[in-house]
C-alpha atoms as a PDB file:
ATOM      1  CA  MET A   1      -0.079   0.001   0.227  1.00  0.00           C
ATOM      2  CA  PHE A   2       1.440   3.397  -0.788  1.00  0.00           C
ATOM      3  CA  TRP A   3      -0.087   6.781   0.350  1.00  0.00           C
ATOM      4  CA  ARG A   4       1.076   8.871  -2.381  1.00  0.00           C
ATOM      5  CA  GLY A   5       1.011   6.890  -5.126  1.00  0.00           C
ATOM      6  CA  VAL A   6       3.391   4.352  -6.409  1.00  0.00           C
ATOM      7  CA  PRO A   7       6.708   5.270  -7.009  1.00  0.00           C
ATOM      8  CA  LYS A   8       7.618   4.693 -10.741  1.00  0.00           C
ATOM      9  CA  ASP A   9      10.646   2.745 -10.437  1.00  0.00           C
ATOM     10  CA  VAL A  10       8.409  -0.104  -8.523  1.00  0.00           C
ATOM     11  CA  TYR A  11       5.282   0.237 -10.553  1.00  0.00           C
ATOM     12  CA  ASP A  12       3.855  -2.983 -12.008  1.00  0.00           C
ATOM     13  CA  GLU A  13       0.353  -2.513 -13.701  1.00  0.00           C
ATOM     14  CA  LYS A  14      -0.390  -6.426 -12.957  1.00  0.00           C
ATOM     15  CA  ARG A  15       0.433  -5.953  -9.412  1.00  0.00           C
ATOM     16  CA  HIS A  16      -0.669  -2.344  -8.408  1.00  0.00           C
ATOM     17  CA  VAL A  17      -4.233  -1.149  -8.656  1.00  0.00           C
ATOM     18  CA  PHE A  18      -6.075   2.289  -7.186  1.00  0.00           C
ATOM     19  CA  ARG A  19      -8.986   1.431  -5.399  1.00  0.00           C
ATOM     20  CA  LEU A  20     -11.142   3.216  -2.655  1.00  0.00           C
ATOM     21  CA  THR A  21     -11.104   1.612   0.716  1.00  0.00           C
ATOM     22  CA  THR A  22     -14.777   1.175   2.298  1.00  0.00           C
ATOM     23  CA  VAL A  23     -15.901   2.422   5.604  1.00  0.00           C
ATOM     24  CA  ASP A  24     -15.734  -1.044   7.026  1.00  0.00           C
ATOM     25  CA  GLU A  25     -12.089  -1.639   5.905  1.00  0.00           C
ATOM     26  CA  ASN A  26     -11.273   1.663   7.894  1.00  0.00           C
ATOM     27  CA  ALA A  27     -13.114   0.805  11.238  1.00  0.00           C
ATOM     28  CA  ASP A  28     -11.964  -2.711  11.007  1.00  0.00           C
ATOM     29  CA  ASN A  29      -8.377  -1.261  10.520  1.00  0.00           C
ATOM     30  CA  LEU A  30      -8.703   1.429  13.127  1.00  0.00           C
ATOM     31  CA  THR A  31      -9.871  -1.375  15.653  1.00  0.00           C
ATOM     32  CA  ARG A  32      -7.025  -3.551  15.084  1.00  0.00           C
ATOM     33  CA  LEU A  33      -4.669  -0.340  15.334  1.00  0.00           C
ATOM     34  CA  VAL A  34      -6.044   0.064  18.700  1.00  0.00           C
ATOM     35  CA  GLU A  35      -5.534  -3.543  19.728  1.00  0.00           C
ATOM     36  CA  VAL A  36      -1.884  -3.640  18.573  1.00  0.00           C
ATOM     37  CA  VAL A  37      -1.182  -0.233  20.702  1.00  0.00           C
ATOM     38  CA  ARG A  38      -3.061  -2.040  23.736  1.00  0.00           C
ATOM     39  CA  GLN A  39      -0.482  -4.972  23.090  1.00  0.00           C
ATOM     40  CA  VAL A  40       2.307  -2.685  23.532  1.00  0.00           C
ATOM     41  CA  ASN A  41       0.947  -0.253  26.167  1.00  0.00           C
ATOM     42  CA  PRO A  42      -2.393  -1.066  27.740  1.00  0.00           C
ATOM     43  CA  THR A  43      -2.933   2.327  29.263  1.00  0.00           C
ATOM     44  CA  ALA A  44      -1.844   4.779  26.350  1.00  0.00           C
ATOM     45  CA  PRO A  45      -4.566   7.432  25.595  1.00  0.00           C
ATOM     46  CA  ILE A  46      -5.423   7.029  21.844  1.00  0.00           C
ATOM     47  CA  ILE A  47      -6.911  10.218  20.042  1.00  0.00           C
ATOM     48  CA  LEU A  48      -8.369   9.217  16.778  1.00  0.00           C
ATOM     49  CA  THR A  49      -8.897  12.382  14.556  1.00  0.00           C
ATOM     50  CA  LEU A  50      -9.342  13.263  10.956  1.00  0.00           C
ATOM     51  CA  SER A  51      -6.834  15.546   8.942  1.00  0.00           C
ATOM     52  CA  PRO A  52      -8.201  18.766   7.821  1.00  0.00           C
ATOM     53  CA  VAL A  53      -5.800  18.970   5.034  1.00  0.00           C
ATOM     54  CA  PRO A  54      -7.410  18.596   1.468  1.00  0.00           C
ATOM     55  CA  LEU A  55      -6.714  16.668  -1.023  1.00  0.00           C
ATOM     56  CA  LEU A  56      -4.128  17.982  -4.074  1.00  0.00           C
ATOM     57  CA  ALA A  57      -5.047  15.453  -6.586  1.00  0.00           C
ATOM     58  CA  THR A  58      -7.341  12.491  -7.419  1.00  0.00           C
ATOM     59  CA  PHE A  59      -6.683   9.379  -9.863  1.00  0.00           C
ATOM     60  CA  ARG A  60     -10.529   9.311 -10.111  1.00  0.00           C
ATOM     61  CA  GLU A  61     -12.289  11.360 -12.804  1.00  0.00           C
ATOM     62  CA  ILE A  62     -14.094  13.563 -10.600  1.00  0.00           C
ATOM     63  CA  SER A  63     -12.836  16.787  -8.954  1.00  0.00           C
ATOM     64  CA  CYS A  64     -10.414  16.948  -6.179  1.00  0.00           C
ATOM     65  CA  LEU A  65     -12.995  18.737  -4.122  1.00  0.00           C
ATOM     66  CA  THR A  66     -15.513  15.903  -4.458  1.00  0.00           C
ATOM     67  CA  ALA A  67     -12.954  13.365  -4.131  1.00  0.00           C
ATOM     68  CA  ASP A  68     -11.781  14.972  -0.786  1.00  0.00           C
ATOM     69  CA  CYS A  69     -15.317  15.149   0.616  1.00  0.00           C
ATOM     70  CA  VAL A  70     -16.159  11.343  -0.200  1.00  0.00           C
ATOM     71  CA  SER A  71     -12.580  10.486   1.230  1.00  0.00           C
ATOM     72  CA  LYS A  72     -13.229  12.603   4.390  1.00  0.00           C
ATOM     73  CA  SER A  73     -16.932  11.384   4.849  1.00  0.00           C
ATOM     74  CA  VAL A  74     -15.568   7.660   4.509  1.00  0.00           C
ATOM     75  CA  LEU A  75     -13.041   8.093   7.085  1.00  0.00           C
ATOM     76  CA  ARG A  76     -15.437  10.016   9.463  1.00  0.00           C
ATOM     77  CA  VAL A  77     -18.177   7.349   9.247  1.00  0.00           C
ATOM     78  CA  ALA A  78     -15.254   4.791  10.139  1.00  0.00           C
ATOM     79  CA  LEU A  79     -14.297   6.937  12.802  1.00  0.00           C
ATOM     80  CA  ASP A  80     -18.019   7.156  14.124  1.00  0.00           C
ATOM     81  CA  GLN A  81     -18.299   3.434  13.974  1.00  0.00           C
ATOM     82  CA  VAL A  82     -14.997   2.651  16.003  1.00  0.00           C
ATOM     83  CA  MET A  83     -16.181   5.352  18.641  1.00  0.00           C
ATOM     84  CA  SER A  84     -19.561   3.529  18.931  1.00  0.00           C
ATOM     85  CA  ARG A  85     -17.515   0.665  20.048  1.00  0.00           C
ATOM     86  CA  ARG A  86     -16.413   2.297  23.018  1.00  0.00           C
ATOM     87  CA  LEU A  87     -12.863   1.005  22.907  1.00  0.00           C
ATOM     88  CA  GLU A  88     -11.409   1.585  26.186  1.00  0.00           C
ATOM     89  CA  GLY A  89      -9.053   4.712  26.364  1.00  0.00           C
ATOM     90  CA  CYS A  90     -10.004   6.071  23.029  1.00  0.00           C
ATOM     91  CA  SER A  91     -11.376   9.462  22.034  1.00  0.00           C
ATOM     92  CA  THR A  92     -11.760  11.769  19.214  1.00  0.00           C
ATOM     93  CA  GLY A  93     -10.266  14.700  21.117  1.00  0.00           C
ATOM     94  CA  ARG A  94     -13.389  16.296  21.851  1.00  0.00           C
ATOM     95  CA  HIS A  95     -15.176  13.946  24.232  1.00  0.00           C
ATOM     96  CA  SER A  96     -13.462  11.301  26.237  1.00  0.00           C
ATOM     97  CA  ARG A  97     -15.088   8.105  26.739  1.00  0.00           C
ATOM     98  CA  SER A  98     -13.800   5.246  28.616  1.00  0.00           C
END
């Protein structure tokens, strides 16, 4: 997985594809991340946040503004799902939940 695109020197069209992640994939990944942190430090406070930095480009055939809105919306719903699980020691930075 590459966060800014596949570097030209390693790109292989048979191996690398662009796809959007789903709400469920992101929620599951965030939950797993919390589990991994808990294995290392059971009492570490965890703050989940969504970056306000907009996308500057997209691989999709839609405007950057639309792609940014969709991307952030998917992540925001995933964060909401994770927070509804009330995982110990996790917050969104606004309202602490234990």
